[in-house]
Protein backbone atom coordinates (compact mmCIF):
# COMPACT_ATOMS: atom_id res chain seq x y z
CA MET A 1 -0.22 0.01 -0.10
CA SER A 2 1.48 2.56 -0.74
CA GLN A 3 1.12 6.82 0.56
CA PHE A 4 -0.63 8.31 -2.76
CA ASP A 5 -3.17 6.28 -1.93
CA ASP A 6 -5.70 8.06 -0.46
CA LEU A 7 -4.49 11.06 -2.83
CA ASP A 8 -6.99 13.11 -4.43
CA VAL A 9 -6.42 13.09 -8.15
CA LYS A 10 -8.55 15.23 -9.34
CA GLU A 11 -6.08 18.53 -9.13
CA ILE A 12 -3.68 16.82 -11.29
CA ASP A 13 -6.14 15.46 -13.53
CA LEU A 14 -7.86 18.76 -14.00
CA PRO A 15 -5.75 21.48 -12.72
CA ASP A 16 -7.46 23.99 -14.45
CA THR A 17 -10.61 24.07 -12.17
CA ILE A 18 -11.60 25.00 -9.58
CA PHE A 19 -13.87 22.76 -6.97
CA ILE A 20 -15.69 24.70 -4.71
CA ARG A 21 -18.58 23.25 -2.49
CA ASP A 22 -20.40 26.08 0.00
CA ILE A 23 -23.75 24.89 2.25
CA GLU A 24 -26.13 27.10 3.22
CA SER A 25 -27.07 27.46 6.87
CA ARG A 26 -30.68 26.14 6.88
CA VAL A 27 -29.15 22.42 5.42
CA PHE A 28 -27.07 22.38 8.44
CA GLN A 29 -30.28 23.65 10.75
CA SER A 30 -32.48 20.68 8.97
CA ILE A 31 -30.29 18.65 9.44
CA THR A 32 -29.31 19.43 13.38
CA ILE A 33 -33.49 19.58 13.74
CA LYS A 34 -33.41 16.12 11.93
CA CYS A 35 -30.89 14.59 14.49
CA LEU A 36 -32.95 16.31 17.34
CA GLU A 37 -35.77 14.41 16.23
CA ASP A 38 -33.75 11.28 17.47
CA VAL A 39 -33.30 12.64 21.06
CA GLN A 40 -36.51 11.67 22.77
CA GLY A 41 -37.23 14.71 26.39
CA VAL A 42 -35.68 17.68 23.98
CA SER A 43 -37.64 20.12 21.91
CA LEU A 44 -36.53 23.13 20.45
CA THR A 45 -37.52 26.71 22.47
CA GLY A 46 -38.69 28.58 19.20
CA GLY A 47 -41.50 25.58 18.06
CA THR A 48 -41.66 22.22 17.74
CA LEU A 49 -39.91 20.11 15.98
CA ILE A 50 -42.32 18.61 13.55
CA ASP A 51 -43.50 22.41 12.54
CA ASN A 52 -39.65 23.32 11.46
CA LEU A 53 -39.65 20.03 9.66
CA LEU A 54 -42.50 20.10 8.05
CA GLY A 55 -41.41 24.01 7.21
CA ARG A 56 -44.53 25.87 8.51
CA GLU A 57 -42.81 28.45 9.58
CA GLY A 58 -39.88 28.48 6.58
CA LEU A 59 -36.46 27.29 7.61
CA GLU A 60 -35.22 31.03 7.67
CA LYS A 61 -36.97 31.24 10.57
CA ILE A 62 -36.03 28.55 12.87
CA LYS A 63 -35.61 29.97 16.21
CA GLY A 64 -33.01 27.76 18.86
CA VAL A 65 -30.15 27.12 15.93
CA TYR A 66 -27.41 29.22 15.21
CA ILE A 67 -24.78 28.74 12.51
CA GLU A 68 -21.55 30.09 12.08
CA GLN A 69 -19.12 28.53 8.97
CA ASP A 70 -16.07 29.21 8.99
CA ILE A 71 -14.77 28.98 5.46
CA LYS A 72 -11.20 28.76 6.15
CA ASN A 73 -10.56 26.03 8.04
CA HIS A 74 -13.52 24.23 6.47
CA SER A 75 -15.38 23.57 9.78
CA VAL A 76 -18.73 24.71 11.53
CA SER A 77 -19.98 25.84 15.27
CA ILE A 78 -23.24 25.39 16.38
CA LYS A 79 -25.78 26.73 19.10
CA LEU A 80 -29.22 24.52 20.62
CA ASP A 81 -31.47 26.13 22.53
CA VAL A 82 -33.52 23.30 23.84
CA ASN A 83 -36.13 23.33 26.19
CA VAL A 84 -35.93 19.26 28.37
CA LEU A 85 -37.84 17.46 30.24
CA TYR A 86 -37.80 17.59 33.77
CA GLY A 87 -35.52 14.75 35.50
CA ILE A 88 -33.47 13.80 32.48
CA SER A 89 -29.71 14.18 33.15
CA LEU A 90 -28.37 17.03 31.57
CA PRO A 91 -24.66 16.09 31.13
CA GLU A 92 -26.30 12.57 29.24
CA LYS A 93 -28.90 14.64 27.36
CA ALA A 94 -25.94 16.98 26.21
CA GLU A 95 -23.72 14.34 25.39
CA GLU A 96 -26.01 12.37 22.88
CA ILE A 97 -27.00 15.56 20.96
CA GLN A 98 -23.89 16.67 20.49
CA THR A 99 -22.54 12.95 19.15
CA LYS A 100 -25.49 12.93 17.22
CA VAL A 101 -25.13 16.37 15.55
CA VAL A 102 -21.25 15.95 15.07
CA LYS A 103 -21.80 12.81 13.02
CA GLU A 104 -24.72 13.88 11.20
CA ILE A 105 -23.07 16.86 9.41
CA SER A 106 -19.66 15.32 8.96
CA ARG A 107 -21.04 12.33 7.58
CA LEU A 108 -23.40 14.44 5.40
CA THR A 109 -21.27 17.71 4.71
CA GLY A 110 -17.54 16.28 4.93
CA LEU A 111 -16.75 19.33 6.96
CA HIS A 112 -15.42 19.11 10.64
CA VAL A 113 -17.91 20.53 13.43
CA ALA A 114 -15.97 22.95 15.54
CA CYS A 115 -18.45 22.97 18.18
CA VAL A 116 -21.56 21.80 19.61
CA HIS A 117 -22.69 24.62 21.85
CA VAL A 118 -26.59 22.94 23.64
CA VAL A 119 -27.59 25.69 26.22
CA PHE A 120 -30.41 24.48 28.09
CA LYS A 121 -32.96 27.18 28.23
CA ASN A 122 -36.47 25.77 30.26
CA ILE A 123 -37.46 22.67 31.98
CA LEU A 124 -40.25 21.24 31.11
CA SER A 125 -42.98 18.40 32.88
CA GLU A 126 -44.10 15.46 30.98
CA GLY A 127 -47.28 17.23 30.10
CA ASN A 128 -45.84 20.74 28.88
CA LEU A 129 -44.55 17.77 26.62
CA GLU A 130 -47.45 15.88 25.33
CA ASP A 131 -48.95 19.28 24.85
CA LEU A 132 -46.06 20.54 22.37
CA LEU A 133 -46.12 17.48 20.22
CA GLY A 134 -50.53 16.84 20.49
CA LYS A 135 -50.65 20.26 19.19
CA SER A 136 -48.31 19.44 16.69
CA LYS A 137 -49.86 16.63 15.82
CA ARG A 138 -52.88 18.34 15.38
CA LYS A 139 -52.25 21.12 13.23
CA GLU A 140 -50.44 18.61 11.48
CA GLU A 141 -53.38 16.35 10.46
CA GLY A 142 -55.81 19.84 10.05
CA GLY A 143 -53.23 21.04 7.79
CA ILE A 144 -52.76 17.90 5.48
CA ASP A 145 -56.97 17.45 6.05
CA LYS A 146 -56.93 21.74 4.43
CA LEU A 147 -54.45 20.93 1.70
CA ALA A 148 -56.76 17.69 0.66
CA ASP A 149 -60.19 19.21 0.53
CA GLU A 150 -58.37 22.88 -1.76
CA TYR A 151 -56.26 20.50 -3.86
CA ALA A 152 -59.73 17.47 -4.04
CA GLU A 153 -61.89 20.48 -5.90
CA GLU A 154 -59.52 20.79 -8.93
CA PHE A 155 -59.69 17.07 -9.68
C-alpha cells in the first residue's frame, strides 16, 4: 500500500478546475433538527420540531439553531437552544445531542464540526412536552386535511 493511495487526483487530472462547495445555514439547521427528532425528552425553544420539519415557519425562521461557518478552516460551529423534560440528566442529554449532531453533519457535509454548544433554556413537565407534540400533530392533521380538500375540488 503506497502513501499516495489516498491522494485525490482530481486536481492533477483537471489542474485548471477549482472545486468549491458552499453549504447554506439552512442545510445545517435541517440536519440538526432531524438529529433532535431522534433525541427523547428535548424540544427546540422556538416552535416544535414537527413544525420546523414540515416548514410551517420557514427554515429561515428556525429559532434555537444557530450556525456559524469558518470557511478558511472548513468547519462549522452550532449553538442549540433546547427545552428538556424534567428528570433527565442534563450532562448525559447534552452529550447525546452533541454526538448525534457531530456525526450527522460530518457524514453528510464532509466538514469538521468545531463546536456544538447546547443551551438548556427551560425544563418542561411531561404534560408540557405532550401538549407541544399533541398540538403539532393536530396542526399537521388539520393542515393535510385542508390541503386535501383544497386540491380535491380541482381534480
